[in-house]
């Protein structure tokens, strides 16, 4: 889970991520990880852009979604690595650091969608 004020972001084994308003009983937005059809292990809000969320999955892919448009706006993938275990954005949101099941760590540039380390 990830929290930002009155909004909580959750990921699930049913391959969905949900954005919840804690003042309501039902999810505000549901994001289906239909491309990967994979369990979601971790979720993060992008700093300064809480309408953009990162979703890390068992298939080793991190996808960025715009919650307003309900569409994918970015994808980070290294074919040789599987299962995203955790991730964190830098304060600026420019870089996304991800830890994988294979004990690898990747640093992704969110503008170019390329690995920088």
Protein backbone atom coordinates (compact mmCIF):
# COMPACT_ATOMS: atom_id res chain seq x y z
CA UNK A 1 0.00 0.00 0.00
CA UNK A 2 0.98 3.60 -0.58
CA UNK A 3 -0.71 6.63 0.97
CA UNK A 4 -1.05 10.26 -0.09
CA UNK A 5 -3.34 12.33 2.13
CA UNK A 6 -6.86 10.94 1.84
CA UNK A 7 -5.92 8.61 -1.00
CA UNK A 8 -4.49 5.10 -0.70
CA UNK A 9 -3.04 3.01 -3.51
CA UNK A 10 -3.12 -0.79 -3.22
CA UNK A 11 -1.93 -3.69 -5.36
CA UNK A 12 -3.35 -7.18 -5.35
CA UNK A 13 -2.94 -10.81 -6.32
CA UNK A 14 -5.99 -10.44 -8.56
CA UNK A 15 -3.80 -8.37 -10.96
CA UNK A 16 -5.42 -5.04 -10.10
CA UNK A 17 -4.30 -1.85 -8.44
CA UNK A 18 -6.88 0.33 -6.77
CA UNK A 19 -6.94 3.97 -5.74
CA UNK A 20 -9.08 4.44 -2.64
CA UNK A 21 -10.46 7.59 -1.05
CA UNK A 22 -10.40 6.74 2.66
CA UNK A 23 -13.51 8.86 3.20
CA UNK A 24 -15.53 6.46 0.99
CA UNK A 25 -16.19 2.72 1.17
CA UNK A 26 -15.50 1.80 -2.45
CA UNK A 27 -12.38 2.23 -4.60
CA UNK A 28 -12.37 5.45 -6.57
CA UNK A 29 -10.36 4.02 -9.46
CA UNK A 30 -9.45 0.47 -10.43
CA UNK A 31 -6.45 -0.15 -12.68
CA UNK A 32 -6.29 -3.53 -14.34
CA UNK A 33 -2.84 -4.92 -14.99
CA UNK A 34 -4.31 -6.65 -18.01
CA UNK A 35 -1.20 -6.45 -20.19
CA UNK A 36 0.91 -8.57 -17.91
CA UNK A 37 -1.96 -10.48 -16.28
CA UNK A 38 0.42 -10.79 -13.36
CA UNK A 39 0.18 -10.42 -9.60
CA UNK A 40 0.97 -6.88 -8.43
CA UNK A 41 3.68 -6.83 -5.75
CA UNK A 42 4.22 -3.13 -5.18
CA UNK A 43 2.66 0.24 -5.94
CA UNK A 44 3.85 3.85 -5.61
CA UNK A 45 2.54 7.32 -6.28
CA UNK A 46 4.87 9.46 -8.39
CA UNK A 47 6.05 12.46 -6.34
CA UNK A 48 4.32 15.75 -7.20
CA UNK A 49 2.05 13.90 -9.65
CA UNK A 50 -0.33 11.85 -7.53
CA UNK A 51 -2.40 11.10 -10.61
CA UNK A 52 0.50 8.96 -11.87
CA UNK A 53 1.10 5.60 -10.22
CA UNK A 54 3.76 2.93 -10.67
CA UNK A 55 2.74 -0.73 -10.52
CA UNK A 56 5.40 -3.46 -10.11
CA UNK A 57 4.43 -7.01 -11.03
CA UNK A 58 5.48 -10.64 -10.80
CA UNK A 59 6.28 -10.56 -14.53
CA UNK A 60 9.18 -8.17 -13.83
CA UNK A 61 7.55 -5.18 -15.52
CA UNK A 62 6.88 -1.80 -13.94
CA UNK A 63 4.05 0.10 -15.57
CA UNK A 64 3.12 3.76 -15.03
CA UNK A 65 -0.56 4.63 -15.21
CA UNK A 66 -2.34 7.97 -15.37
CA UNK A 67 -5.33 7.62 -13.04
CA UNK A 68 -7.23 10.44 -14.74
CA UNK A 69 -7.06 8.95 -18.22
CA UNK A 70 -6.95 5.34 -16.94
CA UNK A 71 -4.19 4.64 -19.40
CA UNK A 72 -0.63 3.40 -19.34
CA UNK A 73 1.92 6.19 -19.77
CA UNK A 74 5.18 4.30 -19.30
CA UNK A 75 6.78 0.89 -18.96
CA UNK A 76 10.11 -0.28 -17.56
CA UNK A 77 11.32 -3.76 -18.38
CA UNK A 78 14.52 -5.76 -18.55
CA UNK A 79 13.86 -9.12 -20.22
CA UNK A 80 16.58 -10.81 -18.14
CA UNK A 81 14.98 -9.93 -14.78
CA UNK A 82 11.77 -11.19 -13.22
CA UNK A 83 9.49 -10.25 -10.34
CA UNK A 84 9.54 -6.68 -9.04
CA UNK A 85 9.71 -6.85 -5.22
CA UNK A 86 9.83 -3.18 -4.32
CA UNK A 87 10.39 0.25 -5.80
CA UNK A 88 10.81 3.86 -4.80
CA UNK A 89 10.91 7.16 -6.66
CA UNK A 90 13.57 9.77 -5.98
CA UNK A 91 12.19 12.97 -4.47
CA UNK A 92 12.04 14.65 -7.88
CA UNK A 93 10.27 11.68 -9.47
CA UNK A 94 12.85 11.61 -12.26
CA UNK A 95 14.32 8.26 -11.22
CA UNK A 96 12.62 5.06 -10.14
CA UNK A 97 14.70 2.50 -8.23
CA UNK A 98 13.43 -1.08 -8.34
CA UNK A 99 14.50 -4.24 -6.51
CA UNK A 100 13.90 -7.59 -8.17
CA UNK A 101 13.54 -11.20 -7.01
CA UNK A 102 16.84 -12.01 -8.72
CA UNK A 103 18.65 -9.70 -6.23
CA UNK A 104 19.11 -7.12 -8.98
CA UNK A 105 18.50 -3.40 -8.53
CA UNK A 106 17.71 -1.17 -11.49
CA UNK A 107 17.50 2.60 -11.70
CA UNK A 108 15.05 3.78 -14.36
CA UNK A 109 14.84 7.24 -15.88
CA UNK A 110 11.12 8.07 -15.92
CA UNK A 111 11.47 10.45 -18.88
CA UNK A 112 13.39 8.16 -21.23
CA UNK A 113 12.14 4.81 -19.84
CA UNK A 114 15.75 3.60 -19.97
CA UNK A 115 17.87 1.99 -17.27
CA UNK A 116 20.57 4.30 -15.95
CA UNK A 117 22.08 1.94 -13.43
